[in-house]
């Protein structure tokens, strides 16, 4: 039973992180060799992951929904990138 409790706690931490995304992230839950992949990036290592999240602080995120199933978490959001007051990307 402790493993299930730990998984639930981890899901709650990730859920809270994504509510605040990309600010106030709990990096301590990730392994030093964390691997991240999305359609634009592939990277490994906590330092590179933190650097990517730091870059994302320049992008506005509007979280739309969060759900979890077992150890998987899903987030949908709207984002835009603004530079010098001009919206460059909105999706």
Protein backbone atom coordinates (compact mmCIF):
# COMPACT_ATOMS: atom_id res chain seq x y z
CA UNK A 1 0.00 0.00 0.00
CA UNK A 2 2.80 2.57 0.59
CA UNK A 3 3.75 2.46 -3.13
CA UNK A 4 0.20 3.42 -4.12
CA UNK A 5 0.18 6.21 -1.55
CA UNK A 6 3.51 7.51 -2.90
CA UNK A 7 2.13 7.45 -6.45
CA UNK A 8 -0.92 9.43 -5.36
CA UNK A 9 1.30 11.95 -3.54
CA UNK A 10 3.48 12.29 -6.63
CA UNK A 11 0.44 12.84 -8.86
CA UNK A 12 -0.76 15.57 -6.47
CA UNK A 13 2.66 17.27 -6.58
CA UNK A 14 2.72 17.15 -10.39
CA UNK A 15 -0.88 18.39 -10.53
CA UNK A 16 0.04 21.37 -8.32
CA UNK A 17 3.18 22.05 -10.39
CA UNK A 18 1.13 22.18 -13.58
CA UNK A 19 -1.39 24.51 -11.99
CA UNK A 20 1.56 26.88 -11.40
CA UNK A 21 3.43 26.01 -14.62
CA UNK A 22 6.04 27.14 -15.46
CA UNK A 23 6.59 28.82 -12.06
CA UNK A 24 7.23 27.19 -8.68
CA UNK A 25 8.12 23.72 -9.94
CA UNK A 26 9.09 20.88 -7.58
CA UNK A 27 12.34 19.76 -9.24
CA UNK A 28 13.23 17.52 -6.29
CA UNK A 29 10.76 14.85 -7.49
CA UNK A 30 12.80 14.20 -10.65
CA UNK A 31 15.84 11.95 -10.97
CA UNK A 32 19.20 13.54 -11.86
CA UNK A 33 18.99 11.82 -15.26
CA UNK A 34 15.35 12.77 -15.97
CA UNK A 35 14.43 12.34 -19.65
CA UNK A 36 11.99 14.73 -21.29
CA UNK A 37 10.57 14.60 -24.81
CA UNK A 38 7.89 16.56 -26.64
CA UNK A 39 7.45 17.44 -30.32
CA UNK A 40 10.07 20.22 -30.04
CA UNK A 41 12.61 18.96 -27.49
CA UNK A 42 14.49 15.90 -26.32
CA UNK A 43 16.73 16.35 -23.31
CA UNK A 44 18.21 14.47 -20.40
CA UNK A 45 19.35 15.65 -16.99
CA UNK A 46 17.75 17.79 -14.32
CA UNK A 47 19.91 20.85 -15.11
CA UNK A 48 18.80 20.85 -18.76
CA UNK A 49 15.18 20.29 -17.71
CA UNK A 50 15.35 23.27 -15.32
CA UNK A 51 16.91 25.41 -18.07
CA UNK A 52 14.08 24.51 -20.46
CA UNK A 53 11.45 25.37 -17.83
CA UNK A 54 13.26 28.64 -17.12
CA UNK A 55 13.02 29.51 -20.82
CA UNK A 56 9.29 28.73 -20.73
CA UNK A 57 8.83 31.50 -18.14
CA UNK A 58 8.83 33.84 -21.15
CA UNK A 59 5.72 32.16 -22.50
CA UNK A 60 2.22 32.80 -21.15
CA UNK A 61 0.36 29.60 -20.29
CA UNK A 62 -3.36 29.34 -19.64
CA UNK A 63 -4.05 25.92 -18.15
CA UNK A 64 -7.28 24.41 -19.39
CA UNK A 65 -7.48 20.96 -17.84
CA UNK A 66 -5.52 18.44 -15.81
CA UNK A 67 -6.29 14.76 -15.39
CA UNK A 68 -4.44 11.71 -14.17
CA UNK A 69 -4.80 7.99 -14.58
CA UNK A 70 -2.56 5.82 -12.44
CA UNK A 71 0.97 7.15 -12.87
CA UNK A 72 0.18 9.17 -16.03
CA UNK A 73 -0.72 12.88 -15.99
CA UNK A 74 -2.28 14.87 -18.83
CA UNK A 75 -2.39 18.64 -19.23
CA UNK A 76 -4.01 20.74 -21.91
CA UNK A 77 -3.22 24.43 -22.17
CA UNK A 78 -3.22 27.48 -24.39
CA UNK A 79 0.04 29.38 -24.78
CA UNK A 80 1.40 32.51 -26.39
CA UNK A 81 4.84 34.05 -26.80
CA UNK A 82 5.18 37.81 -26.59
CA UNK A 83 8.31 39.83 -27.29
CA UNK A 84 8.45 43.60 -26.76
CA UNK A 85 4.67 43.75 -26.47
CA UNK A 86 4.01 41.93 -29.76
CA UNK A 87 2.32 38.51 -29.69
CA UNK A 88 4.54 36.27 -31.81
CA UNK A 89 2.81 32.93 -31.34
CA UNK A 90 -0.61 31.97 -30.02
CA UNK A 91 -1.77 28.35 -29.93
